[in-house]
Protein backbone atom coordinates (compact mmCIF):
# COMPACT_ATOMS: atom_id res chain seq x y z
CA MET A 1 27.58 -17.88 11.93
CA GLY A 2 28.98 -16.69 8.65
CA THR A 3 28.82 -17.25 4.86
CA ASN A 4 31.00 -16.79 1.85
CA VAL A 5 28.37 -16.30 -0.85
CA GLU A 6 28.16 -13.27 -2.99
CA VAL A 7 25.56 -10.88 -1.59
CA GLY A 8 22.40 -10.69 -3.62
CA LYS A 9 23.22 -13.77 -5.72
CA LEU A 10 20.95 -16.87 -5.18
CA PRO A 11 22.49 -20.29 -6.00
CA LEU A 12 21.18 -21.82 -9.18
CA ILE A 13 21.31 -25.24 -10.58
CA GLY A 14 24.91 -25.94 -11.60
CA ASP A 15 26.43 -23.49 -9.06
CA LYS A 16 28.55 -24.55 -6.15
CA MET A 17 26.57 -24.54 -2.95
CA PRO A 18 27.46 -21.58 -0.71
CA SER A 19 29.39 -22.44 2.29
CA PHE A 20 28.24 -21.49 5.87
CA LYS A 21 28.66 -22.39 9.48
CA ALA A 22 25.51 -23.02 11.54
CA ARG A 23 24.32 -24.39 14.79
CA THR A 24 22.11 -27.55 14.47
CA THR A 25 20.39 -30.05 16.73
CA LYS A 26 23.45 -32.25 16.24
CA GLY A 27 26.05 -29.51 16.93
CA VAL A 28 27.86 -27.03 14.68
CA ILE A 29 28.02 -27.83 11.04
CA ASN A 30 30.25 -26.44 8.24
CA PHE A 31 28.08 -26.75 5.35
CA PRO A 32 28.52 -28.36 2.86
CA GLU A 33 32.09 -29.27 3.57
CA ASP A 34 31.31 -31.63 6.52
CA LEU A 35 29.32 -33.67 4.12
CA LYS A 36 31.69 -33.69 1.20
CA GLY A 37 31.50 -37.02 -0.72
CA LYS A 38 27.87 -37.42 -0.03
CA TRP A 39 24.62 -36.28 -1.76
CA ILE A 40 22.67 -33.80 0.45
CA VAL A 41 19.06 -32.79 0.61
CA LEU A 42 18.97 -29.36 2.38
CA PHE A 43 15.23 -28.43 3.11
CA SER A 44 13.58 -25.51 4.89
CA HIS A 45 10.33 -25.67 6.78
CA PRO A 46 8.18 -22.76 7.95
CA GLY A 47 8.22 -23.43 11.58
CA ASP A 48 8.55 -25.90 14.42
CA PHE A 49 5.38 -27.06 16.23
CA THR A 50 3.33 -26.75 13.05
CA PRO A 51 1.23 -29.62 11.68
CA VAL A 52 2.15 -29.71 8.14
CA CYS A 53 5.90 -29.50 8.91
CA THR A 54 5.51 -32.25 11.62
CA THR A 55 4.06 -34.55 8.97
CA GLU A 56 6.98 -33.76 6.78
CA PHE A 57 9.57 -34.44 9.23
CA HIS A 58 7.92 -37.80 10.15
CA ALA A 59 7.83 -38.66 6.40
CA PHE A 60 11.59 -37.64 5.90
CA GLN A 61 12.55 -39.75 8.84
CA LYS A 62 10.63 -42.75 7.68
CA ARG A 63 12.61 -42.72 4.47
CA TYR A 64 15.86 -41.68 6.03
CA ASN A 65 17.35 -45.27 5.51
CA GLU A 66 16.42 -45.08 1.86
CA PHE A 67 18.24 -41.76 1.40
CA LYS A 68 21.31 -43.12 3.27
CA GLN A 69 21.31 -46.04 0.95
CA LEU A 70 21.79 -43.56 -1.80
CA ASN A 71 24.75 -42.00 0.05
CA CYS A 72 22.52 -39.05 0.78
CA GLU A 73 22.16 -37.03 3.95
CA LEU A 74 19.21 -34.99 5.12
CA VAL A 75 19.50 -31.53 6.72
CA GLY A 76 16.52 -29.45 7.79
CA LEU A 77 16.47 -25.69 8.42
CA SER A 78 14.14 -23.02 9.75
CA ILE A 79 14.41 -19.65 11.38
CA ASP A 80 13.52 -21.08 14.89
CA GLN A 81 16.10 -21.18 17.53
CA VAL A 82 17.92 -24.39 18.34
CA PHE A 83 16.06 -24.76 21.71
CA SER A 84 12.80 -24.83 19.77
CA HIS A 85 14.13 -27.50 17.34
CA ILE A 86 15.30 -29.61 20.24
CA GLN A 87 11.88 -29.48 22.05
CA TRP A 88 10.00 -30.17 18.79
CA VAL A 89 12.19 -33.18 18.03
CA ARG A 90 11.43 -34.45 21.57
CA TRP A 91 7.71 -33.89 20.89
CA ILE A 92 7.80 -35.90 17.74
CA LYS A 93 9.59 -38.69 19.48
CA GLU A 94 7.20 -38.79 22.37
CA ASN A 95 4.01 -38.45 20.41
CA LEU A 96 4.68 -40.07 17.10
CA ASN A 97 7.29 -42.56 18.18
CA THR A 98 9.68 -41.27 15.64
CA THR A 99 13.32 -40.20 16.45
CA ILE A 100 14.62 -37.58 13.98
CA GLU A 101 18.12 -38.67 13.19
CA PHE A 102 19.29 -35.87 10.94
CA PRO A 103 20.31 -32.34 11.86
CA ILE A 104 18.19 -29.33 11.82
CA ILE A 105 19.81 -25.94 11.30
CA ALA A 106 18.75 -23.14 13.64
CA ASP A 107 18.85 -19.97 11.40
CA SER A 108 17.22 -17.66 13.92
CA ALA A 109 18.62 -14.56 12.29
CA GLY A 110 17.36 -15.59 8.95
CA GLN A 111 20.79 -15.07 7.30
CA ILE A 112 21.05 -18.49 5.64
CA ALA A 113 17.44 -18.55 4.55
CA SER A 114 17.79 -15.09 2.92
CA MET A 115 21.06 -16.21 1.30
CA LEU A 116 19.40 -19.23 -0.25
CA GLY A 117 16.05 -17.53 -1.32
CA MET A 118 14.00 -19.48 1.15
CA ILE A 119 12.07 -16.42 2.28
CA HIS A 120 9.50 -15.14 -0.18
CA PRO A 121 8.16 -11.85 1.24
CA LYS A 122 4.65 -12.24 -0.25
CA LYS A 123 4.38 -15.53 1.64
CA GLY A 124 5.31 -14.06 4.97
CA THR A 125 8.54 -13.72 7.01
CA ASN A 126 9.25 -17.35 7.71
CA THR A 127 10.69 -19.82 5.18
CA VAL A 128 8.73 -21.49 2.42
CA ARG A 129 9.30 -25.21 1.81
CA ALA A 130 12.55 -25.05 -0.21
CA VAL A 131 14.62 -28.14 -1.17
CA PHE A 132 18.16 -28.17 -2.52
CA ILE A 133 19.71 -31.38 -3.88
CA ILE A 134 23.46 -31.12 -3.66
CA ASP A 135 25.88 -33.62 -5.19
CA PRO A 136 29.07 -35.01 -3.59
CA GLU A 137 31.09 -32.22 -5.21
CA GLY A 138 28.99 -29.56 -3.58
CA VAL A 139 27.10 -28.69 -6.80
CA VAL A 140 23.38 -27.76 -6.70
CA ARG A 141 21.58 -30.26 -8.90
CA ALA A 142 17.90 -29.46 -8.23
CA ILE A 143 15.92 -26.83 -6.45
CA PHE A 144 12.22 -27.15 -5.42
CA TYR A 145 9.96 -24.57 -3.85
CA TYR A 146 6.62 -25.35 -2.17
CA PRO A 147 4.31 -22.83 -0.42
CA GLN A 148 3.66 -23.12 3.30
CA GLU A 149 0.19 -24.59 2.59
CA LEU A 150 1.40 -27.49 0.40
CA GLY A 151 3.28 -30.39 2.02
CA ARG A 152 6.00 -32.02 0.07
CA ASN A 153 5.88 -35.44 -1.53
CA ILE A 154 8.95 -36.98 0.08
CA ASP A 155 8.88 -39.89 -2.37
CA GLU A 156 9.43 -37.38 -5.21
CA ILE A 157 12.55 -35.98 -3.51
CA LEU A 158 13.80 -39.44 -3.03
CA ARG A 159 13.09 -40.19 -6.70
CA ALA A 160 14.91 -37.10 -7.67
CA VAL A 161 18.05 -38.03 -5.91
CA ARG A 162 17.98 -41.60 -7.26
CA GLY A 163 17.15 -40.29 -10.76
CA LEU A 164 20.11 -37.83 -10.74
CA GLN A 165 22.45 -40.59 -9.76
CA VAL A 166 21.15 -42.81 -12.50
CA ALA A 167 21.36 -40.00 -15.10
CA ASP A 168 25.06 -39.38 -13.98
CA LYS A 169 25.97 -43.03 -14.17
CA SER A 170 24.21 -43.66 -17.49
CA LYS A 171 25.26 -40.31 -19.05
CA ALA A 172 21.68 -39.96 -20.10
CA ALA A 173 18.37 -38.08 -19.38
CA LEU A 174 15.30 -39.51 -17.59
CA PRO A 175 11.74 -39.32 -19.00
CA ALA A 176 8.65 -38.10 -17.16
CA ASN A 177 7.50 -40.23 -14.25
CA TRP A 178 10.72 -42.28 -14.46
CA PRO A 179 11.06 -45.19 -13.62
CA ASN A 180 7.49 -45.68 -14.64
CA ASN A 181 7.24 -43.76 -17.89
CA GLU A 182 4.23 -44.45 -20.01
CA ILE A 183 6.32 -44.70 -23.15
CA ILE A 184 9.65 -46.23 -22.32
CA GLY A 185 9.19 -47.57 -18.78
CA ASP A 186 12.43 -47.39 -16.76
CA LYS A 187 14.72 -46.90 -19.78
CA VAL A 188 16.95 -43.78 -20.01
CA ILE A 189 17.11 -41.32 -22.98
CA VAL A 190 20.31 -41.02 -24.96
CA PRO A 191 21.43 -37.41 -25.53
CA PRO A 192 20.43 -36.28 -29.05
CA ALA A 193 22.97 -36.42 -31.83
CA THR A 194 24.60 -33.23 -32.69
CA ASP A 195 25.94 -34.04 -36.18
CA GLU A 196 24.56 -35.78 -39.26
CA ALA A 197 26.83 -38.82 -39.06
CA THR A 198 25.93 -39.61 -35.48
CA ALA A 199 22.21 -39.10 -36.19
CA GLU A 200 22.56 -41.63 -39.02
CA GLU A 201 23.79 -44.31 -36.63
CA ARG A 202 21.44 -43.57 -33.77
CA LEU A 203 18.76 -46.16 -34.56
CA LYS A 204 21.33 -48.75 -35.50
CA GLN A 205 22.81 -48.44 -32.00
CA TYR A 206 19.66 -48.04 -29.89
CA LYS A 207 15.95 -48.63 -29.80
CA GLY A 208 13.85 -45.52 -30.48
CA PHE A 209 11.36 -43.54 -32.50
CA ASP A 210 13.65 -41.32 -34.39
CA TRP A 211 17.30 -40.17 -34.47
CA TRP A 212 16.51 -37.57 -31.77
CA PHE A 213 14.56 -39.88 -29.41
CA VAL A 214 16.40 -43.15 -28.67
CA TYR A 215 16.73 -44.90 -25.32
CA LYS A 216 18.72 -47.60 -23.56
CA GLU A 217 18.89 -49.56 -20.24
CA PRO A 218 20.06 -47.55 -17.25
CA SER A 219 23.54 -48.24 -15.97
CA PRO A 220 23.51 -49.70 -12.35
CA THR A 221 24.52 -47.19 -9.66
CA THR A 222 26.22 -49.74 -7.28
């Protein structure tokens, strides 16, 4: 339905998310403007009525309330028509007893998918399993790509949203496997000092292993 992205330029982490208008199972959406003030997980799936995608949508919906508690909305996308989306959503409800509450974009012409780099020619003409995490200001904060044969770990996507919010609030970085890091647990990492005077004070202010590796308690996000 139209976009305002620069042709040939894929959005990168730190870029503003391109705006577009699209038809969804919940009506027309102006993306991301209609969701301004919320975190967004925009994710593509290869196709309706496919088994791996069905398991993913079931898993996303089962965690939808957890995403909403983080002020985060889910938006799906594939190059199927909206009629296919509607029938597939009905199938999931009737056969898996799961009502998909979030919208699914019908990008039947593939324009949005191409703009966002969701179609990888060596993996076919449908979309791969792309994920864009977008903050309340419309800035892309994380991008994941999975091949068609590998279903996503939805808990990891949920962890990424939660982690980005904690990092923002704490003005810090998060360690591997946060909040269950093998070295510092759920603590967050203080940005390294950039001058000698600050480096000298680091271990006096925080716990840590050296001036460049100190940590603190995370700030609450609520």
